[in-house]
Amino acid sequence: MSGPVAAAEQAAESLRTVNHLTLAAPASGTPGWEDVGDLYRVLGELRVLAERLPQSCGQLARHLECPAAGHAYGVDDMADEPASVVVVSAVLALDEAQRCASRTGQHLNDAMSAVAHLHA
């Protein structure tokens, strides 16, 4: 992994794989996806992913607000607003994404707490 773009691509691809592997219900004889215990563990990892996402959103927003020294943002010909307005719009969207990801982590934790009481 050479940078944040590659790491984000890998995370996205890993989640795509989880989506494919969880299409079918857990079944005996399916390594890593045999029972409710495996479902619980997948929930746990998804919770961790959701809990880590707000930090990334916050850091990206901060970088938009304070670009590296000597760099200023411009906009292309398709933009209806100046760069400063576009940046504010992106930062506000990232702030909302941060809140949503935090709530997602809380909801996944609630699901884990419920599933913890189940057995096959």
Protein backbone atom coordinates (compact mmCIF):
# COMPACT_ATOMS: atom_id res chain seq x y z
CA MET A 1 0.00 0.00 0.00
CA SER A 2 1.61 3.23 -1.09
CA GLY A 3 -0.77 5.94 0.06
CA PRO A 4 -4.25 6.91 1.20
CA VAL A 5 -5.82 6.38 -2.22
CA ALA A 6 -4.55 2.79 -2.40
CA ALA A 7 -5.64 2.14 1.19
CA ALA A 8 -9.13 3.53 0.52
CA GLU A 9 -9.39 1.43 -2.65
CA GLN A 10 -8.39 -1.68 -0.69
CA ALA A 11 -10.94 -0.93 2.04
CA ALA A 12 -13.69 -0.41 -0.55
CA GLU A 13 -12.78 -3.64 -2.33
CA SER A 14 -12.69 -5.54 0.97
CA LEU A 15 -16.18 -4.31 1.80
CA ARG A 16 -17.35 -5.37 -1.66
CA THR A 17 -15.99 -8.85 -0.92
CA VAL A 18 -17.87 -8.93 2.41
CA ASN A 19 -21.04 -7.97 0.53
CA HIS A 20 -20.58 -10.92 -1.83
CA LEU A 21 -19.63 -13.40 0.90
CA THR A 22 -22.68 -12.53 3.00
CA LEU A 23 -25.26 -12.87 0.21
CA ALA A 24 -26.16 -16.33 1.52
CA ALA A 25 -27.02 -17.01 5.15
CA PRO A 26 -24.41 -18.67 7.35
CA ALA A 27 -24.41 -22.42 6.71
CA SER A 28 -22.66 -25.39 8.24
CA GLY A 29 -19.60 -26.32 6.21
CA THR A 30 -19.00 -22.78 4.93
CA PRO A 31 -15.60 -21.84 6.39
CA GLY A 32 -15.78 -18.51 8.19
CA TRP A 33 -19.55 -18.24 7.68
CA GLU A 34 -21.04 -21.21 9.49
CA ASP A 35 -23.26 -19.79 12.22
CA VAL A 36 -24.45 -16.81 14.21
CA GLY A 37 -21.02 -16.59 15.84
CA ASP A 38 -19.50 -15.74 12.46
CA LEU A 39 -22.28 -13.23 11.85
CA TYR A 40 -21.44 -11.62 15.21
CA ARG A 41 -17.76 -11.38 14.27
CA VAL A 42 -18.58 -9.78 10.90
CA LEU A 43 -20.77 -7.25 12.71
CA GLY A 44 -17.85 -6.49 14.99
CA GLU A 45 -15.49 -5.79 12.13
CA LEU A 46 -18.07 -3.64 10.34
CA ARG A 47 -18.56 -1.71 13.60
CA VAL A 48 -14.81 -1.06 13.80
CA LEU A 49 -14.81 0.11 10.18
CA ALA A 50 -17.70 2.51 10.85
CA GLU A 51 -16.06 3.80 14.03
CA ARG A 52 -12.85 4.59 12.14
CA LEU A 53 -14.53 6.37 9.24
CA PRO A 54 -15.32 9.61 11.12
CA GLN A 55 -11.61 10.26 11.70
CA SER A 56 -10.89 10.00 7.98
CA CYS A 57 -13.80 12.31 7.15
CA GLY A 58 -12.61 14.86 9.68
CA GLN A 59 -9.05 14.76 8.41
CA LEU A 60 -10.17 15.19 4.79
CA ALA A 61 -12.32 18.16 5.80
CA ARG A 62 -9.40 19.72 7.66
CA HIS A 63 -7.15 19.32 4.60
CA LEU A 64 -9.77 21.00 2.42
CA GLU A 65 -10.04 23.90 4.86
CA CYS A 66 -6.25 24.32 5.13
CA PRO A 67 -4.55 23.24 1.91
CA ALA A 68 -0.82 22.64 1.93
CA ALA A 69 1.33 25.75 1.91
CA GLY A 70 1.58 27.32 -1.50
CA HIS A 71 -1.48 25.51 -2.87
CA ALA A 72 -4.84 27.10 -3.54
CA TYR A 73 -7.93 25.42 -4.92
CA GLY A 74 -9.46 26.41 -8.21
CA VAL A 75 -12.62 25.16 -9.89
CA ASP A 76 -13.25 23.86 -13.36
CA ASP A 77 -15.54 25.50 -15.93
CA MET A 78 -18.50 23.37 -14.84
CA ALA A 79 -18.58 24.77 -11.29
CA ASP A 80 -21.35 27.24 -10.51
CA GLU A 81 -19.61 28.62 -7.43
CA PRO A 82 -16.13 29.88 -6.58
CA ALA A 83 -13.64 27.49 -5.00
CA SER A 84 -14.23 28.87 -1.50
CA VAL A 85 -17.94 28.01 -1.68
CA VAL A 86 -17.23 24.58 -3.16
CA VAL A 87 -14.79 23.86 -0.31
CA VAL A 88 -17.36 24.90 2.32
CA SER A 89 -19.94 22.65 0.65
CA ALA A 90 -17.55 19.69 0.69
CA VAL A 91 -16.57 20.32 4.33
CA LEU A 92 -20.23 20.47 5.39
CA ALA A 93 -20.91 17.20 3.55
CA LEU A 94 -17.91 15.57 5.24
CA ASP A 95 -19.14 16.81 8.64
CA GLU A 96 -22.50 15.14 7.99
CA ALA A 97 -20.78 11.96 6.78
CA GLN A 98 -18.78 11.99 10.01
CA ARG A 99 -21.98 12.16 12.08
CA CYS A 100 -23.68 9.46 10.01
CA ALA A 101 -20.70 7.11 10.30
CA SER A 102 -20.64 7.61 14.07
CA ARG A 103 -24.34 6.72 14.24
CA THR A 104 -23.72 3.71 12.00
CA GLY A 105 -21.06 2.48 14.42
CA GLN A 106 -23.50 2.89 17.31
CA HIS A 107 -26.22 1.00 15.44
CA LEU A 108 -23.82 -1.82 14.57
CA ASN A 109 -22.82 -2.02 18.22
CA ASP A 110 -26.52 -2.29 19.15
CA ALA A 111 -26.94 -5.10 16.62
CA MET A 112 -23.89 -6.88 18.05
CA SER A 113 -25.29 -6.58 21.57
CA ALA A 114 -28.53 -8.20 20.44
CA VAL A 115 -26.85 -10.94 18.37
CA ALA A 116 -24.56 -11.78 21.30
CA HIS A 117 -27.56 -13.46 22.95
CA LEU A 118 -28.30 -15.75 19.99
CA HIS A 119 -27.02 -19.25 19.35
CA ALA A 120 -27.62 -21.86 16.67
